[in-house]
Amino acid sequence: MQFADPQELSTAYLILRHLYDGDVIEWPIADDHPAHGVFAALEAQGYIARWDRLWPMRDRYRLTDKGIATIESMYKPAGADAFFDDLRNQNLSPADRRSYLQTAGYDPTLWPLLHDPSTHWDTYRLYGSRYHDYIWEDQRPLRRKRQAVKQQKLASSKPLKTTTTKPVKQTVVRTVRDPNDPLYVPYLVDLDREASSADADVSVSPAQPDYDVS
């Protein structure tokens, strides 16, 4: 297959595997779909074609003989899971993992891509491949570190919040003692009544003050 972009080549092989497993892809793919160019190239190169025996006016893609031969040369699912588990149990470095695949006669790029059961042609661009990321672990982008640095920059660029203390209102009680003040209210105190109350050891305050009305 001829694709200039390695990611498009990976998507093309995943499309072939998808059809080879018997899954359905509606024909034609939408013009605004990100993989529209990949489907067009696979049709032009003779790997897939239209399955024109469905009714009503609805169709789907199918593999041609060329497409079947291509995917069968790369995709051998029998025993793939056990092989990958054995590879992981050896605790090899990423370079040694790829060498181990090559020694077994597998392509270190296409084998993990095609034999990962969680990889789908329509979501590969967003989520990648678990097997492929493990084999090529040393060449994966450090997404988590970049995201952490980005969050740290955003946090440092934000202005610090300052808290302001609202002034407390104070209530001033004014005591008027100046007779010339208009708020002054004169009153008399009965000293005899206070003296009798003190003798009885009872503190009684008058109910109302005696006003000077003279």
N, C-alpha and C. Protein backbone atom coordinates (compact mmCIF):
# COMPACT_ATOMS: atom_id res chain seq x y z
N MET A 1 0.84 -1.21 0.00
CA MET A 1 0.00 0.00 0.00
C MET A 1 0.87 1.25 0.00
N GLN A 2 0.41 2.26 -0.66
CA GLN A 2 1.19 3.49 -0.81
C GLN A 2 0.47 4.63 -0.09
N PHE A 3 1.09 5.05 1.02
CA PHE A 3 0.60 6.18 1.80
C PHE A 3 1.80 6.98 2.28
N ALA A 4 1.75 8.28 2.06
CA ALA A 4 2.86 9.13 2.49
C ALA A 4 2.88 9.30 4.01
N ASP A 5 1.71 9.32 4.62
CA ASP A 5 1.61 9.52 6.07
C ASP A 5 1.57 8.16 6.77
N PRO A 6 2.52 7.90 7.70
CA PRO A 6 2.52 6.61 8.41
C PRO A 6 1.23 6.35 9.18
N GLN A 7 0.61 7.40 9.69
CA GLN A 7 -0.64 7.21 10.43
C GLN A 7 -1.77 6.79 9.48
N GLU A 8 -1.78 7.31 8.28
CA GLU A 8 -2.78 6.88 7.30
C GLU A 8 -2.54 5.43 6.91
N LEU A 9 -1.29 5.02 6.81
CA LEU A 9 -0.99 3.62 6.50
C LEU A 9 -1.50 2.71 7.61
N SER A 10 -1.29 3.11 8.87
CA SER A 10 -1.79 2.32 10.00
C SER A 10 -3.31 2.24 9.97
N THR A 11 -3.98 3.36 9.67
CA THR A 11 -5.43 3.36 9.59
C THR A 11 -5.91 2.46 8.46
N ALA A 12 -5.20 2.44 7.35
CA ALA A 12 -5.58 1.60 6.22
C ALA A 12 -5.53 0.12 6.59
N TYR A 13 -4.48 -0.30 7.29
CA TYR A 13 -4.38 -1.70 7.71
C TYR A 13 -5.48 -2.05 8.72
N LEU A 14 -5.82 -1.10 9.59
CA LEU A 14 -6.90 -1.35 10.55
C LEU A 14 -8.24 -1.49 9.84
N ILE A 15 -8.45 -0.74 8.76
CA ILE A 15 -9.68 -0.87 7.98
C ILE A 15 -9.75 -2.26 7.34
N LEU A 16 -8.65 -2.72 6.80
CA LEU A 16 -8.61 -4.06 6.21
C LEU A 16 -8.90 -5.13 7.27
N ARG A 17 -8.29 -4.97 8.45
CA ARG A 17 -8.54 -5.95 9.51
C ARG A 17 -10.00 -5.92 9.94
N HIS A 18 -10.56 -4.73 10.00
CA HIS A 18 -11.95 -4.58 10.41
C HIS A 18 -12.88 -5.32 9.44
N LEU A 19 -12.66 -5.14 8.16
CA LEU A 19 -13.47 -5.84 7.16
C LEU A 19 -13.18 -7.33 7.15
N TYR A 20 -11.95 -7.69 7.38
CA TYR A 20 -11.58 -9.11 7.38
C TYR A 20 -12.25 -9.86 8.52
N ASP A 21 -12.46 -9.19 9.65
CA ASP A 21 -13.13 -9.81 10.80
C ASP A 21 -14.64 -9.88 10.61
N GLY A 22 -15.14 -9.36 9.51
CA GLY A 22 -16.56 -9.44 9.21
C GLY A 22 -17.39 -8.27 9.69
N ASP A 23 -16.74 -7.23 10.17
CA ASP A 23 -17.49 -6.05 10.61
C ASP A 23 -17.89 -5.21 9.40
N VAL A 24 -18.93 -4.41 9.60
CA VAL A 24 -19.53 -3.66 8.50
C VAL A 24 -19.10 -2.20 8.57
N ILE A 25 -18.73 -1.66 7.42
CA ILE A 25 -18.47 -0.22 7.25
C ILE A 25 -19.37 0.24 6.11
N GLU A 26 -20.25 1.17 6.40
CA GLU A 26 -21.20 1.65 5.40
C GLU A 26 -20.48 2.37 4.25
N TRP A 27 -20.98 2.11 3.05
CA TRP A 27 -20.45 2.78 1.85
C TRP A 27 -21.46 3.80 1.36
N PRO A 28 -21.00 4.98 0.96
CA PRO A 28 -19.62 5.48 1.05
C PRO A 28 -19.38 6.15 2.39
N ILE A 29 -18.14 6.29 2.76
CA ILE A 29 -17.81 7.00 3.98
C ILE A 29 -18.10 8.49 3.77
N ALA A 30 -18.46 9.17 4.82
CA ALA A 30 -18.84 10.59 4.69
C ALA A 30 -17.67 11.44 4.18
N ASP A 31 -18.00 12.45 3.40
CA ASP A 31 -16.95 13.31 2.83
C ASP A 31 -16.18 14.06 3.90
N ASP A 32 -16.82 14.38 5.01
CA ASP A 32 -16.14 15.13 6.06
C ASP A 32 -15.49 14.23 7.10
N HIS A 33 -15.47 12.93 6.87
CA HIS A 33 -14.83 12.02 7.83
C HIS A 33 -13.31 12.15 7.72
N PRO A 34 -12.57 12.12 8.85
CA PRO A 34 -11.11 12.27 8.79
C PRO A 34 -10.41 11.19 7.95
N ALA A 35 -11.02 10.00 7.84
CA ALA A 35 -10.40 8.91 7.08
C ALA A 35 -10.94 8.80 5.67
N HIS A 36 -11.64 9.83 5.19
CA HIS A 36 -12.21 9.76 3.84
C HIS A 36 -11.13 9.55 2.80
N GLY A 37 -9.99 10.23 2.94
CA GLY A 37 -8.90 10.07 1.98
C GLY A 37 -8.30 8.67 2.01
N VAL A 38 -8.28 8.03 3.17
CA VAL A 38 -7.74 6.67 3.28
C VAL A 38 -8.64 5.69 2.54
N PHE A 39 -9.96 5.81 2.71
CA PHE A 39 -10.89 4.94 1.99
C PHE A 39 -10.78 5.14 0.48
N ALA A 40 -10.65 6.39 0.06
CA ALA A 40 -10.54 6.67 -1.38
C ALA A 40 -9.27 6.06 -1.96
N ALA A 41 -8.16 6.13 -1.21
CA ALA A 41 -6.91 5.55 -1.69
C ALA A 41 -6.98 4.02 -1.72
N LEU A 42 -7.62 3.42 -0.72
CA LEU A 42 -7.75 1.96 -0.72
C LEU A 42 -8.60 1.48 -1.89
N GLU A 43 -9.63 2.22 -2.23
CA GLU A 43 -10.45 1.87 -3.40
C GLU A 43 -9.65 2.04 -4.69
N ALA A 44 -8.93 3.16 -4.77
CA ALA A 44 -8.17 3.43 -5.99
C ALA A 44 -7.05 2.40 -6.19
N GLN A 45 -6.47 1.91 -5.12
CA GLN A 45 -5.38 0.94 -5.22
C GLN A 45 -5.87 -0.50 -5.29
N GLY A 46 -7.18 -0.69 -5.19
CA GLY A 46 -7.75 -2.02 -5.41
C GLY A 46 -7.79 -2.92 -4.19
N TYR A 47 -7.72 -2.35 -2.98
CA TYR A 47 -7.76 -3.18 -1.77
C TYR A 47 -9.19 -3.37 -1.25
N ILE A 48 -10.05 -2.41 -1.47
CA ILE A 48 -11.45 -2.52 -1.06
C ILE A 48 -12.32 -2.09 -2.23
N ALA A 49 -13.59 -2.48 -2.16
CA ALA A 49 -14.53 -2.12 -3.22
C ALA A 49 -15.92 -2.03 -2.63
N ARG A 50 -16.85 -1.61 -3.46
CA ARG A 50 -18.24 -1.49 -3.03
C ARG A 50 -18.93 -2.85 -3.13
N TRP A 51 -19.65 -3.18 -2.11
CA TRP A 51 -20.45 -4.40 -2.12
C TRP A 51 -21.81 -4.01 -2.68
N ASP A 52 -22.01 -4.29 -3.96
CA ASP A 52 -23.19 -3.75 -4.66
C ASP A 52 -24.31 -4.78 -4.79
N ARG A 53 -24.55 -5.55 -3.75
CA ARG A 53 -25.63 -6.53 -3.82
C ARG A 53 -26.65 -6.34 -2.69
N LEU A 54 -26.71 -5.13 -2.14
CA LEU A 54 -27.63 -4.85 -1.05
C LEU A 54 -28.77 -3.97 -1.54
N TRP A 55 -29.90 -4.13 -0.93
CA TRP A 55 -31.08 -3.35 -1.27
C TRP A 55 -31.82 -3.04 0.02
N PRO A 56 -32.37 -1.84 0.24
CA PRO A 56 -32.55 -0.75 -0.75
C PRO A 56 -31.26 0.01 -1.01
N MET A 57 -31.38 1.30 -1.33
CA MET A 57 -30.22 2.08 -1.77
C MET A 57 -29.27 2.32 -0.61
N ARG A 58 -28.60 1.26 -0.27
CA ARG A 58 -27.66 1.34 0.84
C ARG A 58 -26.61 0.27 0.59
N ASP A 59 -25.35 0.62 0.85
CA ASP A 59 -24.29 -0.32 0.51
C ASP A 59 -23.22 -0.32 1.59
N ARG A 60 -22.17 -1.12 1.37
CA ARG A 60 -21.08 -1.21 2.34
C ARG A 60 -19.79 -1.60 1.61
N TYR A 61 -18.68 -1.46 2.35
CA TYR A 61 -17.38 -1.81 1.78
C TYR A 61 -17.13 -3.32 1.93
N ARG A 62 -16.28 -3.83 1.02
CA ARG A 62 -15.84 -5.22 1.11
C ARG A 62 -14.37 -5.30 0.71
N LEU A 63 -13.73 -6.38 1.09
CA LEU A 63 -12.35 -6.62 0.69
C LEU A 63 -12.30 -7.25 -0.70
N THR A 64 -11.34 -6.81 -1.49
CA THR A 64 -11.06 -7.49 -2.75
C THR A 64 -10.09 -8.64 -2.48
N ASP A 65 -9.81 -9.42 -3.49
CA ASP A 65 -8.83 -10.51 -3.33
C ASP A 65 -7.46 -9.95 -2.95
N LYS A 66 -7.15 -8.81 -3.50
CA LYS A 66 -5.87 -8.17 -3.16
C LYS A 66 -5.85 -7.73 -1.71
N GLY A 67 -6.97 -7.19 -1.24
CA GLY A 67 -7.04 -6.77 0.15
C GLY A 67 -6.97 -7.95 1.11
N ILE A 68 -7.62 -9.07 0.76
CA ILE A 68 -7.57 -10.25 1.62
C ILE A 68 -6.15 -10.79 1.72
N ALA A 69 -5.45 -10.86 0.61
CA ALA A 69 -4.08 -11.36 0.62
C ALA A 69 -3.15 -10.45 1.43
N THR A 70 -3.39 -9.16 1.35
CA THR A 70 -2.54 -8.21 2.08
C THR A 70 -2.73 -8.32 3.57
N ILE A 71 -3.96 -8.41 4.03
CA ILE A 71 -4.19 -8.45 5.47
C ILE A 71 -3.81 -9.82 6.04
N GLU A 72 -3.98 -10.87 5.29
CA GLU A 72 -3.60 -12.20 5.78
C GLU A 72 -2.09 -12.35 5.92
N SER A 73 -1.34 -11.60 5.16
CA SER A 73 0.12 -11.67 5.28
C SER A 73 0.63 -11.00 6.55
N MET A 74 -0.19 -10.14 7.17
CA MET A 74 0.23 -9.41 8.37
C MET A 74 -0.56 -9.79 9.62
N TYR A 75 -1.78 -10.19 9.45
CA TYR A 75 -2.69 -10.39 10.57
C TYR A 75 -2.90 -11.88 10.82
N LYS A 76 -2.37 -12.36 11.95
CA LYS A 76 -2.51 -13.75 12.35
C LYS A 76 -2.93 -13.76 13.83
N PRO A 77 -4.22 -13.68 14.08
CA PRO A 77 -4.69 -13.51 15.46
C PRO A 77 -4.52 -14.73 16.36
N ALA A 78 -4.37 -15.91 15.80
CA ALA A 78 -4.25 -17.11 16.62
C ALA A 78 -2.98 -17.05 17.47
N GLY A 79 -3.15 -17.08 18.80
CA GLY A 79 -2.00 -17.07 19.73
C GLY A 79 -1.37 -15.71 19.95
N ALA A 80 -1.98 -14.65 19.41
CA ALA A 80 -1.38 -13.31 19.54
C ALA A 80 -1.41 -12.83 20.99
N ASP A 81 -2.49 -13.07 21.69
CA ASP A 81 -2.58 -12.62 23.08
C ASP A 81 -1.54 -13.31 23.96
N ALA A 82 -1.35 -14.60 23.80
CA ALA A 82 -0.37 -15.34 24.59
C ALA A 82 1.05 -14.86 24.26
N PHE A 83 1.30 -14.55 23.00
CA PHE A 83 2.61 -14.06 22.60
C PHE A 83 2.89 -12.70 23.25
N PHE A 84 1.91 -11.83 23.27
CA PHE A 84 2.11 -10.52 23.87
C PHE A 84 2.29 -10.61 25.38
N ASP A 85 1.56 -11.49 26.04
CA ASP A 85 1.73 -11.68 27.49
C ASP A 85 3.12 -12.22 27.80
N ASP A 86 3.61 -13.13 26.97
CA ASP A 86 4.97 -13.66 27.18
C ASP A 86 6.01 -12.56 26.99
N LEU A 87 5.77 -11.67 26.03
CA LEU A 87 6.69 -10.55 25.80
C LEU A 87 6.71 -9.62 27.01
N ARG A 88 5.59 -9.33 27.58
CA ARG A 88 5.54 -8.41 28.72
C ARG A 88 6.18 -9.03 29.96
N ASN A 89 6.04 -10.33 30.13
CA ASN A 89 6.60 -10.99 31.31
C ASN A 89 8.13 -11.00 31.32
N GLN A 90 8.75 -10.75 30.19
CA GLN A 90 10.21 -10.76 30.13
C GLN A 90 10.84 -9.45 30.60
N ASN A 91 10.05 -8.41 30.76
CA ASN A 91 10.53 -7.11 31.26
C ASN A 91 11.70 -6.58 30.43
N LEU A 92 11.52 -6.57 29.14
CA LEU A 92 12.56 -6.10 28.23
C LEU A 92 12.46 -4.59 28.04
N SER A 93 13.55 -4.02 27.60
CA SER A 93 13.53 -2.61 27.24
C SER A 93 12.77 -2.45 25.92
N PRO A 94 12.30 -1.23 25.60
CA PRO A 94 11.56 -1.06 24.35
C PRO A 94 12.34 -1.51 23.12
N ALA A 95 13.63 -1.23 23.07
CA ALA A 95 14.42 -1.67 21.91
C ALA A 95 14.49 -3.19 21.83
N ASP A 96 14.63 -3.84 22.98
CA ASP A 96 14.67 -5.31 22.99
C ASP A 96 13.30 -5.91 22.67
N ARG A 97 12.23 -5.21 23.00
CA ARG A 97 10.89 -5.70 22.64
C ARG A 97 10.74 -5.75 21.12
N ARG A 98 11.20 -4.71 20.46
CA ARG A 98 11.11 -4.69 19.00
C ARG A 98 12.01 -5.76 18.39
N SER A 99 13.17 -5.96 18.97
CA SER A 99 14.07 -7.02 18.48
C SER A 99 13.45 -8.40 18.68
N TYR A 100 12.75 -8.58 19.78
CA TYR A 100 12.08 -9.85 20.05
C TYR A 100 11.01 -10.13 18.99
N LEU A 101 10.26 -9.10 18.60
CA LEU A 101 9.26 -9.27 17.55
C LEU A 101 9.91 -9.59 16.20
N GLN A 102 10.98 -8.91 15.89
CA GLN A 102 11.66 -9.16 14.62
C GLN A 102 12.24 -10.57 14.59
N THR A 103 12.76 -11.03 15.73
CA THR A 103 13.30 -12.39 15.79
C THR A 103 12.21 -13.42 15.54
N ALA A 104 10.99 -13.12 16.02
CA ALA A 104 9.86 -14.02 15.81
C ALA A 104 9.25 -13.90 14.42
N GLY A 105 9.78 -12.97 13.59
CA GLY A 105 9.30 -12.82 12.22
C GLY A 105 8.13 -11.86 12.08
N TYR A 106 7.94 -10.97 13.08
CA TYR A 106 6.82 -10.03 13.05
C TYR A 106 7.32 -8.61 12.80
N ASP A 107 6.47 -7.82 12.18
CA ASP A 107 6.76 -6.41 11.97
C ASP A 107 6.49 -5.67 13.28
N PRO A 108 7.49 -5.01 13.87
CA PRO A 108 7.27 -4.34 15.16
C PRO A 108 6.32 -3.15 15.08
N THR A 109 6.02 -2.68 13.88
CA THR A 109 5.08 -1.57 13.73
C THR A 109 3.66 -2.06 13.50
N LEU A 110 3.49 -3.00 12.59
CA LEU A 110 2.14 -3.45 12.23
C LEU A 110 1.62 -4.55 13.14
N TRP A 111 2.49 -5.42 13.64
CA TRP A 111 1.98 -6.53 14.46
C TRP A 111 1.25 -6.02 15.72
N PRO A 112 1.86 -5.14 16.53
CA PRO A 112 1.12 -4.69 17.71
C PRO A 112 -0.13 -3.88 17.36
N LEU A 113 -0.11 -3.23 16.22
CA LEU A 113 -1.27 -2.43 15.82
C LEU A 113 -2.45 -3.31 15.44
N LEU A 114 -2.19 -4.36 14.67
CA LEU A 114 -3.26 -5.20 14.16
C LEU A 114 -3.76 -6.21 15.18
N HIS A 115 -2.92 -6.61 16.11
CA HIS A 115 -3.29 -7.68 17.04
C HIS A 115 -3.79 -7.16 18.39
N ASP A 116 -3.89 -5.87 18.52
CA ASP A 116 -4.48 -5.30 19.73
C ASP A 116 -5.99 -5.30 19.57
N PRO A 117 -6.72 -6.09 20.36
CA PRO A 117 -8.18 -6.16 20.17
C PRO A 117 -8.91 -4.87 20.53
N SER A 118 -8.27 -3.98 21.26
CA SER A 118 -8.92 -2.72 21.65
C SER A 118 -8.73 -1.61 20.64
N THR A 119 -7.99 -1.85 19.55
CA THR A 119 -7.71 -0.82 18.57
C THR A 119 -8.77 -0.84 17.47
N HIS A 120 -9.29 0.34 17.15
CA HIS A 120 -10.33 0.47 16.13
C HIS A 120 -9.89 1.52 15.12
N TRP A 121 -10.22 1.29 13.86
CA TRP A 121 -9.75 2.19 12.81
C TRP A 121 -10.31 3.60 12.97
N ASP A 122 -11.51 3.73 13.55
CA ASP A 122 -12.14 5.03 13.65
C ASP A 122 -11.68 5.83 14.87
N THR A 123 -11.08 5.17 15.85
CA THR A 123 -10.64 5.87 17.07
C THR A 123 -9.13 5.82 17.26
N TYR A 124 -8.42 5.20 16.33
CA TYR A 124 -6.97 5.07 16.48
C TYR A 124 -6.27 6.42 16.55
N ARG A 125 -6.76 7.41 15.80
CA ARG A 125 -6.11 8.72 15.81
C ARG A 125 -6.19 9.39 17.17
N LEU A 126 -7.25 9.12 17.91
CA LEU A 126 -7.45 9.78 19.20
C LEU A 126 -6.82 9.01 20.35
N TYR A 127 -6.95 7.70 20.34
CA TYR A 127 -6.56 6.90 21.50
C TYR A 127 -5.33 6.03 21.28
N GLY A 128 -4.86 5.92 20.05
CA GLY A 128 -3.68 5.12 19.80
C GLY A 128 -3.95 3.63 19.98
N SER A 129 -2.88 2.89 20.26
CA SER A 129 -2.97 1.44 20.41
C SER A 129 -2.17 1.02 21.65
N ARG A 130 -2.79 0.23 22.49
CA ARG A 130 -2.14 -0.18 23.74
C ARG A 130 -0.89 -1.04 23.46
N TYR A 131 -1.01 -2.00 22.57
CA TYR A 131 0.14 -2.85 22.22
C TYR A 131 1.24 -2.00 21.57
N HIS A 132 0.84 -1.16 20.64
CA HIS A 132 1.82 -0.35 19.91
C HIS A 132 2.54 0.62 20.84
N ASP A 133 1.81 1.22 21.77
CA ASP A 133 2.43 2.14 22.72
C ASP A 133 3.43 1.43 23.62
N TYR A 134 3.19 0.18 23.94
CA TYR A 134 4.11 -0.59 24.78
C TYR A 134 5.38 -0.94 24.01
N ILE A 135 5.23 -1.36 22.77
CA ILE A 135 6.41 -1.73 21.97
C ILE A 135 7.28 -0.51 21.68
N TRP A 136 6.66 0.64 21.48
CA TRP A 136 7.38 1.86 21.14
C TRP A 136 7.32 2.85 22.30
N GLU A 137 7.44 2.35 23.51
CA GLU A 137 7.29 3.18 24.70
C GLU A 137 8.33 4.28 24.77
N ASP A 138 9.54 4.02 24.29
CA ASP A 138 10.61 5.02 24.37
C ASP A 138 10.44 6.15 23.36
N GLN A 139 9.52 6.02 22.43
CA GLN A 139 9.31 7.05 21.43
C GLN A 139 7.93 7.67 21.51
N ARG A 140 7.25 7.43 22.59
CA ARG A 140 5.94 8.05 22.80
C ARG A 140 6.11 9.48 23.28
N PRO A 141 5.24 10.39 22.88
CA PRO A 141 5.32 11.77 23.42
C PRO A 141 4.92 11.79 24.88
N LEU A 142 5.64 12.61 25.64
CA LEU A 142 5.37 12.72 27.07
C LEU A 142 4.18 13.64 27.28
N ARG A 143 2.98 13.12 27.09
CA ARG A 143 1.78 13.95 27.16
C ARG A 143 1.51 14.43 28.57
N ARG A 144 1.74 13.56 29.55
CA ARG A 144 1.41 13.92 30.93
C ARG A 144 2.31 15.04 31.44
N LYS A 145 3.61 14.97 31.11
CA LYS A 145 4.51 16.02 31.57
C LYS A 145 4.18 17.34 30.90
N ARG A 146 3.89 17.30 29.62
CA ARG A 146 3.55 18.54 28.92
C ARG A 146 2.28 19.15 29.49
N GLN A 147 1.33 18.30 29.81
CA GLN A 147 0.08 18.81 30.37
C GLN A 147 0.32 19.40 31.75
N ALA A 148 1.20 18.75 32.55
CA ALA A 148 1.49 19.28 33.88
C ALA A 148 2.19 20.63 33.80
N VAL A 149 3.14 20.77 32.86
CA VAL A 149 3.84 22.05 32.69
C VAL A 149 2.86 23.13 32.24
N LYS A 150 1.94 22.77 31.35
CA LYS A 150 0.96 23.74 30.86
C LYS A 150 0.07 24.20 31.99
N GLN A 151 -0.38 23.27 32.83
CA GLN A 151 -1.22 23.66 33.95
C GLN A 151 -0.46 24.54 34.94
N GLN A 152 0.84 24.25 35.13
CA GLN A 152 1.65 25.05 36.03
C GLN A 152 1.81 26.48 35.51
N LYS A 153 1.99 26.63 34.20
CA LYS A 153 2.11 27.96 33.61
C LYS A 153 0.81 28.73 33.75
N LEU A 154 -0.31 28.05 33.54
CA LEU A 154 -1.60 28.73 33.68
C LEU A 154 -1.82 29.17 35.11
N ALA A 155 -1.40 28.34 36.06
CA ALA A 155 -1.59 28.70 37.47
C ALA A 155 -0.72 29.89 37.85
N SER A 156 0.52 29.95 37.31
CA SER A 156 1.42 31.05 37.65
C SER A 156 1.00 32.35 36.99
N SER A 157 0.28 32.26 35.86
CA SER A 157 -0.13 33.47 35.17
C SER A 157 -1.37 34.10 35.77
N LYS A 158 -2.09 33.39 36.60
CA LYS A 158 -3.30 33.94 37.19
C LYS A 158 -2.94 34.90 38.31
N PRO A 159 -3.56 36.08 38.40
CA PRO A 159 -3.26 37.03 39.48
C PRO A 159 -3.74 36.48 40.82
N LEU A 160 -2.98 36.81 41.85
CA LEU A 160 -3.34 36.37 43.18
C LEU A 160 -4.54 37.17 43.67
N LYS A 161 -5.43 36.48 44.31
CA LYS A 161 -6.61 37.12 44.86
C LYS A 161 -6.28 37.78 46.18
N THR A 162 -6.71 39.03 46.35
CA THR A 162 -6.47 39.76 47.59
C THR A 162 -7.79 39.90 48.32
N THR A 163 -7.73 39.69 49.60
CA THR A 163 -8.93 39.80 50.43
C THR A 163 -8.94 41.14 51.13
N THR A 164 -10.07 41.79 51.11
CA THR A 164 -10.23 43.10 51.75
C THR A 164 -11.15 42.95 52.94
N THR A 165 -10.77 43.64 54.01
CA THR A 165 -11.57 43.60 55.23
C THR A 165 -12.51 44.79 55.26
N LYS A 166 -13.77 44.51 55.35
CA LYS A 166 -14.75 45.59 55.39
C LYS A 166 -14.71 46.30 56.74
N PRO A 167 -14.79 47.63 56.74
CA PRO A 167 -14.77 48.35 58.02
C PRO A 167 -15.99 48.02 58.86
N VAL A 168 -15.76 47.90 60.14
CA VAL A 168 -16.83 47.58 61.07
C VAL A 168 -17.50 48.87 61.53
N LYS A 169 -18.79 48.92 61.38
CA LYS A 169 -19.54 50.10 61.81
C LYS A 169 -19.62 50.14 63.33
N GLN A 170 -19.29 51.26 63.87
CA GLN A 170 -19.34 51.44 65.31
C GLN A 170 -20.52 52.33 65.67
N THR A 171 -21.25 51.90 66.66
CA THR A 171 -22.39 52.67 67.14
C THR A 171 -21.97 53.49 68.36
N VAL A 172 -22.10 54.80 68.23
CA VAL A 172 -21.69 55.71 69.31
C VAL A 172 -22.93 56.11 70.10
N VAL A 173 -22.87 55.84 71.38
CA VAL A 173 -23.95 56.24 72.28
C VAL A 173 -23.62 57.60 72.87
N ARG A 174 -24.47 58.54 72.61
CA ARG A 174 -24.21 59.92 73.06
C ARG A 174 -24.93 60.16 74.39
N THR A 175 -24.16 60.57 75.34
CA THR A 175 -24.72 60.92 76.65
C THR A 175 -24.80 62.44 76.76
N VAL A 176 -25.98 62.94 76.90
CA VAL A 176 -26.18 64.40 76.95
C VAL A 176 -26.18 64.85 78.40
N ARG A 177 -25.22 65.72 78.72
CA ARG A 177 -25.12 66.26 80.08
C ARG A 177 -25.19 67.78 80.11
N ASP A 178 -25.18 68.40 78.98
CA ASP A 178 -25.22 69.87 78.92
C ASP A 178 -26.67 70.33 78.97
N PRO A 179 -27.03 71.12 79.95
CA PRO A 179 -28.43 71.62 80.03
C PRO A 179 -28.84 72.45 78.84
N ASN A 180 -27.86 73.08 78.15
CA ASN A 180 -28.18 73.90 77.01
C ASN A 180 -28.40 73.10 75.73
N ASP A 181 -28.08 71.79 75.77
CA ASP A 181 -28.25 70.94 74.60
C ASP A 181 -29.73 70.64 74.42
N PRO A 182 -30.23 70.71 73.17
CA PRO A 182 -31.67 70.45 72.96
C PRO A 182 -32.09 69.05 73.29
N LEU A 183 -31.15 68.09 73.33
CA LEU A 183 -31.48 66.71 73.66
C LEU A 183 -31.45 66.45 75.16
N TYR A 184 -31.11 67.46 75.93
CA TYR A 184 -31.01 67.27 77.38
C TYR A 184 -32.40 67.20 77.98
N VAL A 185 -32.64 66.18 78.82
CA VAL A 185 -33.92 66.01 79.51
C VAL A 185 -33.64 66.01 81.01
N PRO A 186 -34.03 67.02 81.73
CA PRO A 186 -33.74 67.06 83.19
C PRO A 186 -34.68 66.13 83.95
N TYR A 187 -34.20 65.59 85.03
CA TYR A 187 -35.03 64.75 85.90
C TYR A 187 -34.49 64.85 87.32
N LEU A 188 -35.38 64.59 88.29
CA LEU A 188 -35.04 64.67 89.71
C LEU A 188 -34.94 63.29 90.31
N VAL A 189 -34.09 63.16 91.29
CA VAL A 189 -33.91 61.91 92.01
C VAL A 189 -34.40 62.11 93.43
N ASP A 190 -35.28 61.23 93.91
CA ASP A 190 -35.80 61.30 95.27
C ASP A 190 -34.79 60.64 96.19
N LEU A 191 -33.99 61.43 96.92
CA LEU A 191 -32.95 60.87 97.80
C LEU A 191 -33.54 60.12 98.96
N ASP A 192 -34.71 60.59 99.50
CA ASP A 192 -35.32 59.88 100.64
C ASP A 192 -35.74 58.48 100.25
N ARG A 193 -36.29 58.34 99.03
CA ARG A 193 -36.72 57.01 98.59
C ARG A 193 -35.53 56.10 98.38
N GLU A 194 -34.40 56.61 97.87
CA GLU A 194 -33.23 55.78 97.68
C GLU A 194 -32.62 55.37 99.00
N ALA A 195 -32.69 56.29 99.99
CA ALA A 195 -32.14 55.96 101.31
C ALA A 195 -32.94 54.86 101.96
N SER A 196 -34.29 54.94 101.87
CA SER A 196 -35.11 53.89 102.47
C SER A 196 -34.89 52.56 101.78
N SER A 197 -34.64 52.60 100.49
CA SER A 197 -34.38 51.36 99.77
C SER A 197 -33.06 50.77 100.19
N ALA A 198 -32.05 51.61 100.46
CA ALA A 198 -30.76 51.10 100.89
C ALA A 198 -30.85 50.47 102.26
N ASP A 199 -31.68 51.07 103.17
CA ASP A 199 -31.84 50.49 104.50
C ASP A 199 -32.49 49.13 104.44
N ALA A 200 -33.42 48.96 103.47
CA ALA A 200 -34.09 47.66 103.35
C ALA A 200 -33.27 46.68 102.54
N ASP A 201 -32.07 47.07 102.14
CA ASP A 201 -31.17 46.23 101.33
C ASP A 201 -31.86 45.75 100.06
N VAL A 202 -32.69 46.64 99.53
CA VAL A 202 -33.38 46.31 98.29
C VAL A 202 -33.13 47.46 97.33
N SER A 203 -32.64 47.09 96.16
CA SER A 203 -32.37 48.11 95.14
C SER A 203 -33.55 48.19 94.21
N VAL A 204 -34.29 49.28 94.35
CA VAL A 204 -35.47 49.48 93.53
C VAL A 204 -35.29 50.76 92.75
N SER A 205 -35.41 50.68 91.46
CA SER A 205 -35.29 51.87 90.62
C SER A 205 -36.68 52.38 90.32
N PRO A 206 -36.83 53.67 90.26
CA PRO A 206 -38.16 54.22 89.99
C PRO A 206 -38.65 53.79 88.62
N ALA A 207 -39.96 53.57 88.54
CA ALA A 207 -40.53 53.15 87.26
C ALA A 207 -40.39 54.24 86.23
N GLN A 208 -40.57 55.50 86.62
CA GLN A 208 -40.43 56.63 85.72
C GLN A 208 -39.72 57.75 86.44
N PRO A 209 -38.88 58.51 85.77
CA PRO A 209 -38.19 59.63 86.45
C PRO A 209 -39.18 60.75 86.74
N ASP A 210 -38.86 61.48 87.82
CA ASP A 210 -39.67 62.65 88.20
C ASP A 210 -39.19 63.85 87.41
N TYR A 211 -40.01 64.36 86.56
CA TYR A 211 -39.62 65.49 85.73
C TYR A 211 -39.84 66.79 86.45
N ASP A 212 -38.96 67.70 86.20
CA ASP A 212 -39.05 69.03 86.77
C ASP A 212 -39.97 69.86 85.89
N VAL A 213 -41.15 70.12 86.39
CA VAL A 213 -42.10 70.87 85.57
C VAL A 213 -42.26 72.30 86.10
N SER A 214 -41.36 72.67 87.02
CA SER A 214 -41.46 74.02 87.60
C SER A 214 -40.91 75.05 86.61
